[in-house]
Amino acid sequence: MNASENEKIEKFIKLRSQNQTFPDMAAKLNVSERTLFRWSRLYQPLIQSLREAQRECEAERCKISRRFILQDIGEDLRRVREELTKRDLKDLPTAKLFDLAAQLRTQANTVNGPLHLSEPISESDVDEQNLPDPPATWED
């Protein structure tokens, strides 16, 4: 493979990660669509990784990444809980605040996902039934 072909492959990976069509890429790179289909199969992991990195950058730019969402939900939940401590529990708005707090916790758990911790287990541990306790999760 020569330097010119390597450059075309690199350009192809970048264009394909941006969802360019095969006819458009064939014209830009002066390569047959058949070659592009072959490259697509060969370099699919790289293309997918580049797409994911681009999505992550866009999410970060738009402040919609998991980190920002969790920060916002956490701040809203903190404010609701702070307000709940000031309220008389007999008030109807308090019930609505409890509902909001529950919704925010559910939303935070959905965004955060379950936490699964595990420990490596060897064959001898299994044979001797020397197994660790079950993994901890965020799920109730």
C-alpha atoms as a PDB file:
ATOM      1  CA  MET A   1       0.000   0.000   0.000  1.00  0.00           C
ATOM      2  CA  ASN A   2       1.501   3.348  -1.033  1.00  0.00           C
ATOM      3  CA  ALA A   3       1.300   6.737   0.690  1.00  0.00           C
ATOM      4  CA  SER A   4      -1.350   7.995  -1.719  1.00  0.00           C
ATOM      5  CA  GLU A   5      -3.627   5.033  -0.944  1.00  0.00           C
ATOM      6  CA  ASN A   6      -3.065   5.514   2.803  1.00  0.00           C
ATOM      7  CA  GLU A   7      -4.112   9.154   2.474  1.00  0.00           C
ATOM      8  CA  LYS A   8      -7.236   8.117   0.550  1.00  0.00           C
ATOM      9  CA  ILE A   9      -8.096   5.554   3.214  1.00  0.00           C
ATOM     10  CA  GLU A  10      -7.683   8.147   5.974  1.00  0.00           C
ATOM     11  CA  LYS A  11      -9.911  10.583   4.058  1.00  0.00           C
ATOM     12  CA  PHE A  12     -12.415   7.791   3.442  1.00  0.00           C
ATOM     13  CA  ILE A  13     -12.597   6.933   7.165  1.00  0.00           C
ATOM     14  CA  LYS A  14     -13.168  10.594   8.022  1.00  0.00           C
ATOM     15  CA  LEU A  15     -15.815  11.087   5.310  1.00  0.00           C
ATOM     16  CA  ARG A  16     -17.592   7.829   6.145  1.00  0.00           C
ATOM     17  CA  SER A  17     -17.688   8.734   9.856  1.00  0.00           C
ATOM     18  CA  GLN A  18     -19.501  11.896   8.727  1.00  0.00           C
ATOM     19  CA  ASN A  19     -22.053   9.700   6.882  1.00  0.00           C
ATOM     20  CA  GLN A  20     -20.970  10.717   3.401  1.00  0.00           C
ATOM     21  CA  THR A  21     -22.539   8.584   0.672  1.00  0.00           C
ATOM     22  CA  PHE A  22     -20.501   6.104  -1.337  1.00  0.00           C
ATOM     23  CA  PRO A  23     -21.116   7.884  -4.679  1.00  0.00           C
ATOM     24  CA  ASP A  24     -19.987  11.222  -3.185  1.00  0.00           C
ATOM     25  CA  MET A  25     -16.878   9.669  -1.656  1.00  0.00           C
ATOM     26  CA  ALA A  26     -16.046   7.811  -4.877  1.00  0.00           C
ATOM     27  CA  ALA A  27     -16.099  11.113  -6.760  1.00  0.00           C
ATOM     28  CA  LYS A  28     -14.058  12.976  -4.120  1.00  0.00           C
ATOM     29  CA  LEU A  29     -11.442  10.256  -3.720  1.00  0.00           C
ATOM     30  CA  ASN A  30     -11.384   9.019  -7.327  1.00  0.00           C
ATOM     31  CA  VAL A  31     -11.917   5.453  -6.110  1.00  0.00           C
ATOM     32  CA  SER A  32     -14.511   2.884  -7.173  1.00  0.00           C
ATOM     33  CA  GLU A  33     -17.532   2.305  -4.972  1.00  0.00           C
ATOM     34  CA  ARG A  34     -16.568  -1.368  -4.783  1.00  0.00           C
ATOM     35  CA  THR A  35     -13.256  -0.374  -3.180  1.00  0.00           C
ATOM     36  CA  LEU A  36     -15.105   1.907  -0.781  1.00  0.00           C
ATOM     37  CA  PHE A  37     -17.430  -0.929   0.275  1.00  0.00           C
ATOM     38  CA  ARG A  38     -14.395  -3.118   0.923  1.00  0.00           C
ATOM     39  CA  TRP A  39     -12.734  -0.365   2.958  1.00  0.00           C
ATOM     40  CA  SER A  40     -15.979   0.141   4.835  1.00  0.00           C
ATOM     41  CA  ARG A  41     -15.930  -3.482   6.003  1.00  0.00           C
ATOM     42  CA  LEU A  42     -12.203  -3.415   6.787  1.00  0.00           C
ATOM     43  CA  TYR A  43     -12.217  -0.145   8.726  1.00  0.00           C
ATOM     44  CA  GLN A  44     -15.676  -0.328  10.324  1.00  0.00           C
ATOM     45  CA  PRO A  45     -14.308  -0.313  13.908  1.00  0.00           C
ATOM     46  CA  LEU A  46     -12.282   2.857  13.189  1.00  0.00           C
ATOM     47  CA  ILE A  47     -15.240   4.517  11.465  1.00  0.00           C
ATOM     48  CA  GLN A  48     -17.543   3.670  14.383  1.00  0.00           C
ATOM     49  CA  SER A  49     -15.007   4.911  16.949  1.00  0.00           C
ATOM     50  CA  LEU A  50     -14.643   8.190  15.079  1.00  0.00           C
ATOM     51  CA  ARG A  51     -18.443   8.578  14.913  1.00  0.00           C
ATOM     52  CA  GLU A  52     -18.698   7.992  18.665  1.00  0.00           C
ATOM     53  CA  ALA A  53     -15.946  10.520  19.365  1.00  0.00           C
ATOM     54  CA  GLN A  54     -17.727  13.086  17.175  1.00  0.00           C
ATOM     55  CA  ARG A  55     -21.031  12.440  18.994  1.00  0.00           C
ATOM     56  CA  GLU A  56     -19.318  12.836  22.350  1.00  0.00           C
ATOM     57  CA  CYS A  57     -17.732  16.134  21.278  1.00  0.00           C
ATOM     58  CA  GLU A  58     -21.087  17.395  20.029  1.00  0.00           C
ATOM     59  CA  ALA A  59     -22.821  16.344  23.244  1.00  0.00           C
ATOM     60  CA  GLU A  60     -20.128  18.101  25.268  1.00  0.00           C
ATOM     61  CA  ARG A  61     -20.456  21.221  23.121  1.00  0.00           C
ATOM     62  CA  CYS A  62     -24.239  21.227  23.599  1.00  0.00           C
ATOM     63  CA  LYS A  63     -23.902  20.438  27.309  1.00  0.00           C
ATOM     64  CA  ILE A  64     -25.950  17.258  26.961  1.00  0.00           C
ATOM     65  CA  SER A  65     -23.344  14.780  28.055  1.00  0.00           C
ATOM     66  CA  ARG A  66     -24.124  12.423  30.929  1.00  0.00           C
ATOM     67  CA  ARG A  67     -21.950  14.494  33.244  1.00  0.00           C
ATOM     68  CA  PHE A  68     -23.834  17.727  32.543  1.00  0.00           C
ATOM     69  CA  ILE A  69     -27.236  16.036  32.697  1.00  0.00           C
ATOM     70  CA  LEU A  70     -26.416  14.456  36.042  1.00  0.00           C
ATOM     71  CA  GLN A  71     -25.106  17.768  37.386  1.00  0.00           C
ATOM     72  CA  ASP A  72     -28.323  19.538  36.369  1.00  0.00           C
ATOM     73  CA  ILE A  73     -30.564  16.810  37.752  1.00  0.00           C
ATOM     74  CA  GLY A  74     -28.534  16.715  40.967  1.00  0.00           C
ATOM     75  CA  GLU A  75     -28.835  20.479  41.383  1.00  0.00           C
ATOM     76  CA  ASP A  76     -32.601  20.359  40.746  1.00  0.00           C
ATOM     77  CA  LEU A  77     -32.985  17.508  43.216  1.00  0.00           C
ATOM     78  CA  ARG A  78     -30.951  19.405  45.827  1.00  0.00           C
ATOM     79  CA  ARG A  79     -33.152  22.487  45.413  1.00  0.00           C
ATOM     80  CA  VAL A  80     -36.345  20.442  45.648  1.00  0.00           C
ATOM     81  CA  ARG A  81     -35.129  18.647  48.774  1.00  0.00           C
ATOM     82  CA  GLU A  82     -34.092  21.963  50.304  1.00  0.00           C
ATOM     83  CA  GLU A  83     -37.573  23.335  49.641  1.00  0.00           C
ATOM     84  CA  LEU A  84     -39.161  20.183  51.058  1.00  0.00           C
ATOM     85  CA  THR A  85     -37.422  20.754  54.398  1.00  0.00           C
ATOM     86  CA  LYS A  86     -39.149  24.154  54.612  1.00  0.00           C
ATOM     87  CA  ARG A  87     -42.621  22.852  53.797  1.00  0.00           C
ATOM     88  CA  ASP A  88     -45.397  21.569  55.988  1.00  0.00           C
ATOM     89  CA  LEU A  89     -46.023  17.976  54.930  1.00  0.00           C
ATOM     90  CA  LYS A  90     -49.790  18.564  55.053  1.00  0.00           C
ATOM     91  CA  ASP A  91     -49.676  20.939  52.068  1.00  0.00           C
ATOM     92  CA  LEU A  92     -50.685  19.665  48.655  1.00  0.00           C
ATOM     93  CA  PRO A  93     -47.680  21.283  46.959  1.00  0.00           C
ATOM     94  CA  THR A  94     -45.474  19.145  49.196  1.00  0.00           C
ATOM     95  CA  ALA A  95     -46.889  16.011  47.586  1.00  0.00           C
ATOM     96  CA  LYS A  96     -46.066  17.459  44.215  1.00  0.00           C
ATOM     97  CA  LEU A  97     -42.535  18.184  45.413  1.00  0.00           C
ATOM     98  CA  PHE A  98     -42.169  14.587  46.612  1.00  0.00           C
ATOM     99  CA  ASP A  99     -43.321  13.436  43.169  1.00  0.00           C
ATOM    100  CA  LEU A 100     -40.804  15.743  41.535  1.00  0.00           C
ATOM    101  CA  ALA A 101     -38.017  14.452  43.795  1.00  0.00           C
ATOM    102  CA  ALA A 102     -38.925  10.859  42.889  1.00  0.00           C
ATOM    103  CA  GLN A 103     -38.992  11.708  39.190  1.00  0.00           C
ATOM    104  CA  LEU A 104     -35.587  13.388  39.430  1.00  0.00           C
ATOM    105  CA  ARG A 105     -34.105  10.364  41.244  1.00  0.00           C
ATOM    106  CA  THR A 106     -35.534   8.062  38.578  1.00  0.00           C
ATOM    107  CA  GLN A 107     -34.165  10.296  35.847  1.00  0.00           C
ATOM    108  CA  ALA A 108     -30.729  10.392  37.518  1.00  0.00           C
ATOM    109  CA  ASN A 109     -30.686   6.586  37.850  1.00  0.00           C
ATOM    110  CA  THR A 110     -31.681   6.235  34.191  1.00  0.00           C
ATOM    111  CA  VAL A 111     -28.901   8.539  33.006  1.00  0.00           C
ATOM    112  CA  ASN A 112     -26.335   7.084  35.389  1.00  0.00           C
ATOM    113  CA  GLY A 113     -27.270   3.455  34.728  1.00  0.00           C
ATOM    114  CA  PRO A 114     -26.753   0.559  37.090  1.00  0.00           C
ATOM    115  CA  LEU A 115     -23.446   0.152  38.872  1.00  0.00           C
ATOM    116  CA  HIS A 116     -22.048  -3.362  38.690  1.00  0.00           C
ATOM    117  CA  LEU A 117     -18.934  -4.197  40.664  1.00  0.00           C
ATOM    118  CA  SER A 118     -17.218  -7.509  40.227  1.00  0.00           C
ATOM    119  CA  GLU A 119     -14.101  -9.291  41.347  1.00  0.00           C
ATOM    120  CA  PRO A 120     -12.024 -11.691  39.297  1.00  0.00           C
ATOM    121  CA  ILE A 121     -12.637 -15.338  40.231  1.00  0.00           C
ATOM    122  CA  SER A 122     -10.149 -18.133  39.660  1.00  0.00           C
ATOM    123  CA  GLU A 123     -10.935 -21.766  38.880  1.00  0.00           C
ATOM    124  CA  SER A 124      -9.741 -22.793  42.379  1.00  0.00           C
ATOM    125  CA  ASP A 125     -12.159 -20.298  43.975  1.00  0.00           C
ATOM    126  CA  VAL A 126     -15.024 -21.913  42.091  1.00  0.00           C
ATOM    127  CA  ASP A 127     -13.873 -25.432  42.988  1.00  0.00           C
ATOM    128  CA  GLU A 128     -13.510 -24.509  46.675  1.00  0.00           C
ATOM    129  CA  GLN A 129     -16.746 -22.463  46.617  1.00  0.00           C
ATOM    130  CA  ASN A 130     -14.701 -19.510  47.836  1.00  0.00           C
ATOM    131  CA  LEU A 131     -16.841 -16.958  45.986  1.00  0.00           C
ATOM    132  CA  PRO A 132     -17.152 -13.229  46.759  1.00  0.00           C
ATOM    133  CA  ASP A 133     -20.455 -11.695  47.791  1.00  0.00           C
ATOM    134  CA  PRO A 134     -22.805 -10.770  44.928  1.00  0.00           C
ATOM    135  CA  PRO A 135     -21.951  -7.539  43.128  1.00  0.00           C
ATOM    136  CA  ALA A 136     -23.449  -4.258  44.352  1.00  0.00           C
ATOM    137  CA  THR A 137     -25.806  -2.352  42.084  1.00  0.00           C
ATOM    138  CA  TRP A 138     -27.571   1.003  42.065  1.00  0.00           C
ATOM    139  CA  GLU A 139     -30.846  -0.760  41.423  1.00  0.00           C
ATOM    140  CA  ASP A 140     -33.267  -1.136  44.311  1.00  0.00           C
END
